[in-house]
Amino acid sequence: MRCFFHLVRSGSRLIDEEGLEVANMDEIRAEVTKATQELRQANPFAVTDWKSWRLEVTDASGTVLFTFDLGPAPLQLRRRCR
């Protein structure tokens, strides 16, 4: 399944037009965890700049599968109703 990873905050959306092919939801979670850890390790002080941003993971139809808060709080995963 192809998933897309959009960066979102009120009034702003950075759209992922390429997406990533994944086998299942566990792989999606692993990819997001890895990417956010790399982001935080690259510049631990920049995490406060991300406090109002979230990552929306959607399927090819645009349905939001998961939302990840990117702020300084521990990574929080919220599953959407399907």
PDB file of N, CA and C in Angstrom:
ATOM      1  N   MET A   1       0.843  -1.158   0.000  1.00  0.00           N
ATOM      2  CA  MET A   1       0.000   0.000   0.000  1.00  0.00           C
ATOM      3  C   MET A   1       0.891   1.225   0.000  1.00  0.00           C
ATOM      4  N   ARG A   2       0.499   2.248  -0.747  1.00  0.00           N
ATOM      5  CA  ARG A   2       1.263   3.495  -0.789  1.00  0.00           C
ATOM      6  C   ARG A   2       0.676   4.461   0.227  1.00  0.00           C
ATOM      7  N   CYS A   3       1.569   5.015   1.059  1.00  0.00           N
ATOM      8  CA  CYS A   3       1.169   5.993   2.065  1.00  0.00           C
ATOM      9  C   CYS A   3       1.902   7.300   1.817  1.00  0.00           C
ATOM     10  N   PHE A   4       1.268   8.373   2.239  1.00  0.00           N
ATOM     11  CA  PHE A   4       1.810   9.712   2.060  1.00  0.00           C
ATOM     12  C   PHE A   4       1.942  10.366   3.429  1.00  0.00           C
ATOM     13  N   PHE A   5       2.995  11.156   3.601  1.00  0.00           N
ATOM     14  CA  PHE A   5       3.347  11.720   4.895  1.00  0.00           C
ATOM     15  C   PHE A   5       3.334  13.246   4.770  1.00  0.00           C
ATOM     16  N   HIS A   6       2.241  13.870   5.174  1.00  0.00           N
ATOM     17  CA  HIS A   6       2.061  15.313   5.031  1.00  0.00           C
ATOM     18  C   HIS A   6       2.369  16.021   6.349  1.00  0.00           C
ATOM     19  N   LEU A   7       3.102  17.127   6.271  1.00  0.00           N
ATOM     20  CA  LEU A   7       3.347  17.965   7.439  1.00  0.00           C
ATOM     21  C   LEU A   7       2.251  19.022   7.497  1.00  0.00           C
ATOM     22  N   VAL A   8       1.603  19.140   8.667  1.00  0.00           N
ATOM     23  CA  VAL A   8       0.420  19.989   8.783  1.00  0.00           C
ATOM     24  C   VAL A   8       0.475  20.797  10.069  1.00  0.00           C
ATOM     25  N   ARG A   9       0.057  22.042   9.980  1.00  0.00           N
ATOM     26  CA  ARG A   9      -0.248  22.860  11.150  1.00  0.00           C
ATOM     27  C   ARG A   9      -1.328  23.828  10.705  1.00  0.00           C
ATOM     28  N   SER A  10      -1.937  24.523  11.628  1.00  0.00           N
ATOM     29  CA  SER A  10      -3.059  25.385  11.269  1.00  0.00           C
ATOM     30  C   SER A  10      -2.647  26.353  10.160  1.00  0.00           C
ATOM     31  N   GLY A  11      -3.349  26.264   9.058  1.00  0.00           N
ATOM     32  CA  GLY A  11      -3.110  27.157   7.934  1.00  0.00           C
ATOM     33  C   GLY A  11      -1.995  26.750   6.987  1.00  0.00           C
ATOM     34  N   SER A  12      -1.247  25.696   7.302  1.00  0.00           N
ATOM     35  CA  SER A  12      -0.130  25.270   6.446  1.00  0.00           C
ATOM     36  C   SER A  12      -0.162  23.761   6.235  1.00  0.00           C
ATOM     37  N   ARG A  13       0.136  23.362   4.998  1.00  0.00           N
ATOM     38  CA  ARG A  13       0.249  21.936   4.664  1.00  0.00           C
ATOM     39  C   ARG A  13       1.409  21.759   3.704  1.00  0.00           C
ATOM     40  N   LEU A  14       2.333  20.897   4.056  1.00  0.00           N
ATOM     41  CA  LEU A  14       3.415  20.511   3.160  1.00  0.00           C
ATOM     42  C   LEU A  14       3.091  19.097   2.698  1.00  0.00           C
ATOM     43  N   ILE A  15       2.719  18.984   1.432  1.00  0.00           N
ATOM     44  CA  ILE A  15       2.179  17.749   0.888  1.00  0.00           C
ATOM     45  C   ILE A  15       3.287  16.838   0.358  1.00  0.00           C
ATOM     46  N   ASP A  16       3.212  15.577   0.726  1.00  0.00           N
ATOM     47  CA  ASP A  16       4.086  14.535   0.198  1.00  0.00           C
ATOM     48  C   ASP A  16       3.429  14.011  -1.070  1.00  0.00           C
ATOM     49  N   GLU A  17       4.003  14.315  -2.214  1.00  0.00           N
ATOM     50  CA  GLU A  17       3.419  13.883  -3.484  1.00  0.00           C
ATOM     51  C   GLU A  17       3.957  12.540  -3.958  1.00  0.00           C
ATOM     52  N   GLU A  18       5.059  12.099  -3.367  1.00  0.00           N
ATOM     53  CA  GLU A  18       5.682  10.840  -3.790  1.00  0.00           C
ATOM     54  C   GLU A  18       5.176   9.641  -3.004  1.00  0.00           C
ATOM     55  N   GLY A  19       5.113   9.773  -1.695  1.00  0.00           N
ATOM     56  CA  GLY A  19       4.669   8.680  -0.846  1.00  0.00           C
ATOM     57  C   GLY A  19       5.724   7.600  -0.703  1.00  0.00           C
ATOM     58  N   LEU A  20       5.321   6.538  -0.023  1.00  0.00           N
ATOM     59  CA  LEU A  20       6.213   5.421   0.260  1.00  0.00           C
ATOM     60  C   LEU A  20       5.389   4.141   0.249  1.00  0.00           C
ATOM     61  N   GLU A  21       5.910   3.144  -0.400  1.00  0.00           N
ATOM     62  CA  GLU A  21       5.234   1.846  -0.448  1.00  0.00           C
ATOM     63  C   GLU A  21       5.549   1.089   0.839  1.00  0.00           C
ATOM     64  N   VAL A  22       4.510   0.664   1.552  1.00  0.00           N
ATOM     65  CA  VAL A  22       4.680  -0.072   2.804  1.00  0.00           C
ATOM     66  C   VAL A  22       3.811  -1.327   2.774  1.00  0.00           C
ATOM     67  N   ALA A  23       4.210  -2.307   3.568  1.00  0.00           N
ATOM     68  CA  ALA A  23       3.483  -3.579   3.584  1.00  0.00           C
ATOM     69  C   ALA A  23       2.274  -3.536   4.505  1.00  0.00           C
ATOM     70  N   ASN A  24       2.410  -2.786   5.639  1.00  0.00           N
ATOM     71  CA  ASN A  24       1.328  -2.800   6.626  1.00  0.00           C
ATOM     72  C   ASN A  24       1.474  -1.620   7.583  1.00  0.00           C
ATOM     73  N   MET A  25       0.561  -1.500   8.523  1.00  0.00           N
ATOM     74  CA  MET A  25       0.553  -0.395   9.476  1.00  0.00           C
ATOM     75  C   MET A  25       1.778  -0.416  10.385  1.00  0.00           C
ATOM     76  N   ASP A  26       2.270  -1.596  10.734  1.00  0.00           N
ATOM     77  CA  ASP A  26       3.466  -1.669  11.571  1.00  0.00           C
ATOM     78  C   ASP A  26       4.667  -1.037  10.866  1.00  0.00           C
ATOM     79  N   GLU A  27       4.765  -1.253   9.575  1.00  0.00           N
ATOM     80  CA  GLU A  27       5.863  -0.662   8.814  1.00  0.00           C
ATOM     81  C   GLU A  27       5.721   0.857   8.747  1.00  0.00           C
ATOM     82  N   ILE A  28       4.491   1.353   8.642  1.00  0.00           N
ATOM     83  CA  ILE A  28       4.261   2.799   8.657  1.00  0.00           C
ATOM     84  C   ILE A  28       4.756   3.388   9.970  1.00  0.00           C
ATOM     85  N   ARG A  29       4.352   2.784  11.086  1.00  0.00           N
ATOM     86  CA  ARG A  29       4.777   3.275  12.404  1.00  0.00           C
ATOM     87  C   ARG A  29       6.298   3.254  12.537  1.00  0.00           C
ATOM     88  N   ALA A  30       6.921   2.196  12.054  1.00  0.00           N
ATOM     89  CA  ALA A  30       8.375   2.090  12.135  1.00  0.00           C
ATOM     90  C   ALA A  30       9.054   3.188  11.319  1.00  0.00           C
ATOM     91  N   GLU A  31       8.558   3.464  10.132  1.00  0.00           N
ATOM     92  CA  GLU A  31       9.137   4.507   9.280  1.00  0.00           C
ATOM     93  C   GLU A  31       8.990   5.888   9.926  1.00  0.00           C
ATOM     94  N   VAL A  32       7.825   6.169  10.479  1.00  0.00           N
ATOM     95  CA  VAL A  32       7.607   7.471  11.119  1.00  0.00           C
ATOM     96  C   VAL A  32       8.463   7.612  12.368  1.00  0.00           C
ATOM     97  N   THR A  33       8.558   6.564  13.161  1.00  0.00           N
ATOM     98  CA  THR A  33       9.393   6.602  14.361  1.00  0.00           C
ATOM     99  C   THR A  33      10.846   6.856  13.985  1.00  0.00           C
ATOM    100  N   LYS A  34      11.329   6.151  12.979  1.00  0.00           N
ATOM    101  CA  LYS A  34      12.705   6.314  12.525  1.00  0.00           C
ATOM    102  C   LYS A  34      12.949   7.743  12.034  1.00  0.00           C
ATOM    103  N   ALA A  35      12.055   8.254  11.220  1.00  0.00           N
ATOM    104  CA  ALA A  35      12.226   9.604  10.659  1.00  0.00           C
ATOM    105  C   ALA A  35      12.198  10.679  11.739  1.00  0.00           C
ATOM    106  N   THR A  36      11.293  10.564  12.699  1.00  0.00           N
ATOM    107  CA  THR A  36      11.219  11.575  13.747  1.00  0.00           C
ATOM    108  C   THR A  36      12.422  11.490  14.679  1.00  0.00           C
ATOM    109  N   GLN A  37      12.923  10.296  14.948  1.00  0.00           N
ATOM    110  CA  GLN A  37      14.130  10.154  15.764  1.00  0.00           C
ATOM    111  C   GLN A  37      15.333  10.774  15.063  1.00  0.00           C
ATOM    112  N   GLU A  38      15.443  10.558  13.761  1.00  0.00           N
ATOM    113  CA  GLU A  38      16.544  11.148  12.995  1.00  0.00           C
ATOM    114  C   GLU A  38      16.453  12.675  13.009  1.00  0.00           C
ATOM    115  N   LEU A  39      15.248  13.200  12.854  1.00  0.00           N
ATOM    116  CA  LEU A  39      15.035  14.644  12.896  1.00  0.00           C
ATOM    117  C   LEU A  39      15.472  15.217  14.237  1.00  0.00           C
ATOM    118  N   ARG A  40      15.069  14.570  15.306  1.00  0.00           N
ATOM    119  CA  ARG A  40      15.401  15.052  16.647  1.00  0.00           C
ATOM    120  C   ARG A  40      16.889  14.904  16.951  1.00  0.00           C
ATOM    121  N   GLN A  41      17.522  13.850  16.467  1.00  0.00           N
ATOM    122  CA  GLN A  41      18.957  13.658  16.698  1.00  0.00           C
ATOM    123  C   GLN A  41      19.788  14.650  15.890  1.00  0.00           C
ATOM    124  N   ALA A  42      19.342  14.979  14.693  1.00  0.00           N
ATOM    125  CA  ALA A  42      20.080  15.902  13.836  1.00  0.00           C
ATOM    126  C   ALA A  42      20.175  17.289  14.467  1.00  0.00           C
ATOM    127  N   ASN A  43      19.107  17.723  15.124  1.00  0.00           N
ATOM    128  CA  ASN A  43      19.117  19.026  15.784  1.00  0.00           C
ATOM    129  C   ASN A  43      18.134  18.985  16.951  1.00  0.00           C
ATOM    130  N   PRO A  44      18.569  18.544  18.118  1.00  0.00           N
ATOM    131  CA  PRO A  44      17.668  18.393  19.261  1.00  0.00           C
ATOM    132  C   PRO A  44      17.000  19.695  19.683  1.00  0.00           C
ATOM    133  N   PHE A  45      17.635  20.834  19.399  1.00  0.00           N
ATOM    134  CA  PHE A  45      17.068  22.117  19.810  1.00  0.00           C
ATOM    135  C   PHE A  45      15.978  22.608  18.862  1.00  0.00           C
ATOM    136  N   ALA A  46      15.944  22.083  17.638  1.00  0.00           N
ATOM    137  CA  ALA A  46      14.947  22.494  16.658  1.00  0.00           C
ATOM    138  C   ALA A  46      13.576  21.883  16.934  1.00  0.00           C
ATOM    139  N   VAL A  47      13.522  20.909  17.823  1.00  0.00           N
ATOM    140  CA  VAL A  47      12.242  20.237  18.082  1.00  0.00           C
ATOM    141  C   VAL A  47      11.181  21.220  18.565  1.00  0.00           C
ATOM    142  N   THR A  48      11.579  22.277  19.254  1.00  0.00           N
ATOM    143  CA  THR A  48      10.592  23.269  19.701  1.00  0.00           C
ATOM    144  C   THR A  48       9.977  24.000  18.510  1.00  0.00           C
ATOM    145  N   ASP A  49      10.706  24.083  17.392  1.00  0.00           N
ATOM    146  CA  ASP A  49      10.158  24.699  16.186  1.00  0.00           C
ATOM    147  C   ASP A  49       9.024  23.858  15.587  1.00  0.00           C
ATOM    148  N   TRP A  50       9.004  22.585  15.928  1.00  0.00           N
ATOM    149  CA  TRP A  50       7.998  21.670  15.383  1.00  0.00           C
ATOM    150  C   TRP A  50       6.779  21.530  16.292  1.00  0.00           C
ATOM    151  N   LYS A  51       6.730  22.259  17.414  1.00  0.00           N
ATOM    152  CA  LYS A  51       5.686  22.004  18.413  1.00  0.00           C
ATOM    153  C   LYS A  51       4.261  22.147  17.897  1.00  0.00           C
ATOM    154  N   SER A  52       4.025  22.968  16.899  1.00  0.00           N
ATOM    155  CA  SER A  52       2.668  23.121  16.388  1.00  0.00           C
ATOM    156  C   SER A  52       2.414  22.290  15.126  1.00  0.00           C
ATOM    157  N   TRP A  53       3.393  21.489  14.730  1.00  0.00           N
ATOM    158  CA  TRP A  53       3.255  20.669  13.528  1.00  0.00           C
ATOM    159  C   TRP A  53       2.853  19.243  13.880  1.00  0.00           C
ATOM    160  N   ARG A  54       2.207  18.599  12.924  1.00  0.00           N
ATOM    161  CA  ARG A  54       1.896  17.174  13.053  1.00  0.00           C
ATOM    162  C   ARG A  54       2.130  16.523  11.691  1.00  0.00           C
ATOM    163  N   LEU A  55       2.345  15.251  11.725  1.00  0.00           N
ATOM    164  CA  LEU A  55       2.513  14.469  10.512  1.00  0.00           C
ATOM    165  C   LEU A  55       1.240  13.669  10.298  1.00  0.00           C
ATOM    166  N   GLU A  56       0.599  13.862   9.166  1.00  0.00           N
ATOM    167  CA  GLU A  56      -0.594  13.087   8.820  1.00  0.00           C
ATOM    168  C   GLU A  56      -0.195  12.031   7.802  1.00  0.00           C
ATOM    169  N   VAL A  57      -0.468  10.805   8.131  1.00  0.00           N
ATOM    170  CA  VAL A  57      -0.197   9.697   7.223  1.00  0.00           C
ATOM    171  C   VAL A  57      -1.513   9.334   6.555  1.00  0.00           C
ATOM    172  N   THR A  58      -1.527   9.395   5.216  1.00  0.00           N
ATOM    173  CA  THR A  58      -2.751   9.097   4.476  1.00  0.00           C
ATOM    174  C   THR A  58      -2.520   7.951   3.503  1.00  0.00           C
ATOM    175  N   ASP A  59      -3.614   7.333   3.105  1.00  0.00           N
ATOM    176  CA  ASP A  59      -3.521   6.336   2.041  1.00  0.00           C
ATOM    177  C   ASP A  59      -3.676   7.053   0.700  1.00  0.00           C
ATOM    178  N   ALA A  60      -3.674   6.309  -0.398  1.00  0.00           N
ATOM    179  CA  ALA A  60      -3.729   6.899  -1.734  1.00  0.00           C
ATOM    180  C   ALA A  60      -5.018   7.668  -1.993  1.00  0.00           C
ATOM    181  N   SER A  61      -6.095   7.323  -1.277  1.00  0.00           N
ATOM    182  CA  SER A  61      -7.365   8.027  -1.471  1.00  0.00           C
ATOM    183  C   SER A  61      -7.435   9.315  -0.652  1.00  0.00           C
ATOM    184  N   GLY A  62      -6.434   9.552   0.224  1.00  0.00           N
ATOM    185  CA  GLY A  62      -6.425  10.751   1.055  1.00  0.00           C
ATOM    186  C   GLY A  62      -6.986  10.547   2.445  1.00  0.00           C
ATOM    187  N   THR A  63      -7.404   9.333   2.760  1.00  0.00           N
ATOM    188  CA  THR A  63      -7.916   9.028   4.090  1.00  0.00           C
ATOM    189  C   THR A  63      -6.778   9.072   5.103  1.00  0.00           C
ATOM    190  N   VAL A  64      -6.966   9.826   6.195  1.00  0.00           N
ATOM    191  CA  VAL A  64      -5.938   9.928   7.227  1.00  0.00           C
ATOM    192  C   VAL A  64      -5.939   8.637   8.039  1.00  0.00           C
ATOM    193  N   LEU A  65      -4.784   7.966   8.073  1.00  0.00           N
ATOM    194  CA  LEU A  65      -4.631   6.716   8.808  1.00  0.00           C
ATOM    195  C   LEU A  65      -4.118   6.959  10.217  1.00  0.00           C
ATOM    196  N   PHE A  66      -3.121   7.833  10.333  1.00  0.00           N
ATOM    197  CA  PHE A  66      -2.500   8.156  11.610  1.00  0.00           C
ATOM    198  C   PHE A  66      -2.101   9.618  11.624  1.00  0.00           C
ATOM    199  N   THR A  67      -2.036  10.168  12.831  1.00  0.00           N
ATOM    200  CA  THR A  67      -1.512  11.514  13.037  1.00  0.00           C
ATOM    201  C   THR A  67      -0.429  11.431  14.103  1.00  0.00           C
ATOM    202  N   PHE A  68       0.706  12.091  13.860  1.00  0.00           N
ATOM    203  CA  PHE A  68       1.823  12.111  14.797  1.00  0.00           C
ATOM    204  C   PHE A  68       2.127  13.558  15.157  1.00  0.00           C
ATOM    205  N   ASP A  69       2.106  13.897  16.451  1.00  0.00           N
ATOM    206  CA  ASP A  69       2.523  15.218  16.891  1.00  0.00           C
ATOM    207  C   ASP A  69       4.044  15.270  16.845  1.00  0.00           C
ATOM    208  N   LEU A  70       4.589  16.364  16.326  1.00  0.00           N
ATOM    209  CA  LEU A  70       6.034  16.475  16.156  1.00  0.00           C
ATOM    210  C   LEU A  70       6.705  17.365  17.194  1.00  0.00           C
ATOM    211  N   GLY A  71       5.953  17.865  18.147  1.00  0.00           N
ATOM    212  CA  GLY A  71       6.503  18.767  19.148  1.00  0.00           C
ATOM    213  C   GLY A  71       7.407  18.089  20.145  1.00  0.00           C
ATOM    214  N   PRO A  72       7.818  18.835  21.181  1.00  0.00           N
ATOM    215  CA  PRO A  72       8.778  18.325  22.145  1.00  0.00           C
ATOM    216  C   PRO A  72       8.250  17.235  23.065  1.00  0.00           C
ATOM    217  N   ALA A  73       6.935  17.076  23.135  1.00  0.00           N
ATOM    218  CA  ALA A  73       6.371  15.998  23.951  1.00  0.00           C
ATOM    219  C   ALA A  73       6.751  14.664  23.319  1.00  0.00           C
ATOM    220  N   PRO A  74       6.696  13.584  24.080  1.00  0.00           N
ATOM    221  CA  PRO A  74       6.980  12.268  23.489  1.00  0.00           C
ATOM    222  C   PRO A  74       6.094  12.028  22.277  1.00  0.00           C
ATOM    223  N   LEU A  75       6.618  11.328  21.312  1.00  0.00           N
ATOM    224  CA  LEU A  75       5.892  11.024  20.086  1.00  0.00           C
ATOM    225  C   LEU A  75       4.542  10.405  20.417  1.00  0.00           C
ATOM    226  N   GLN A  76       3.479  11.023  19.913  1.00  0.00           N
ATOM    227  CA  GLN A  76       2.139  10.537  20.208  1.00  0.00           C
ATOM    228  C   GLN A  76       1.476  10.103  18.911  1.00  0.00           C
ATOM    229  N   LEU A  77       0.964   8.919  18.921  1.00  0.00           N
ATOM    230  CA  LEU A  77       0.314   8.335  17.760  1.00  0.00           C
ATOM    231  C   LEU A  77      -1.179   8.291  18.018  1.00  0.00           C
ATOM    232  N   ARG A  78      -1.939   8.825  17.074  1.00  0.00           N
ATOM    233  CA  ARG A  78      -3.389   8.763  17.195  1.00  0.00           C
ATOM    234  C   ARG A  78      -3.942   8.094  15.949  1.00  0.00           C
ATOM    235  N   ARG A  79      -4.689   7.040  16.152  1.00  0.00           N
ATOM    236  CA  ARG A  79      -5.289   6.329  15.030  1.00  0.00           C
ATOM    237  C   ARG A  79      -6.641   6.958  14.731  1.00  0.00           C
ATOM    238  N   ARG A  80      -6.934   7.139  13.468  1.00  0.00           N
ATOM    239  CA  ARG A  80      -8.222   7.673  13.034  1.00  0.00           C
ATOM    240  C   ARG A  80      -9.224   6.539  12.882  1.00  0.00           C
ATOM    241  N   CYS A  81     -10.485   6.846  13.047  1.00  0.00           N
ATOM    242  CA  CYS A  81     -11.545   5.850  12.821  1.00  0.00           C
ATOM    243  C   CYS A  81     -11.627   5.565  11.334  1.00  0.00           C
ATOM    244  N   ARG A  82     -11.886   4.312  11.016  1.00  0.00           N
ATOM    245  CA  ARG A  82     -12.036   3.928   9.612  1.00  0.00           C
ATOM    246  C   ARG A  82     -13.365   3.268   9.410  1.00  0.00           C
TER     247      ARG A  82
END
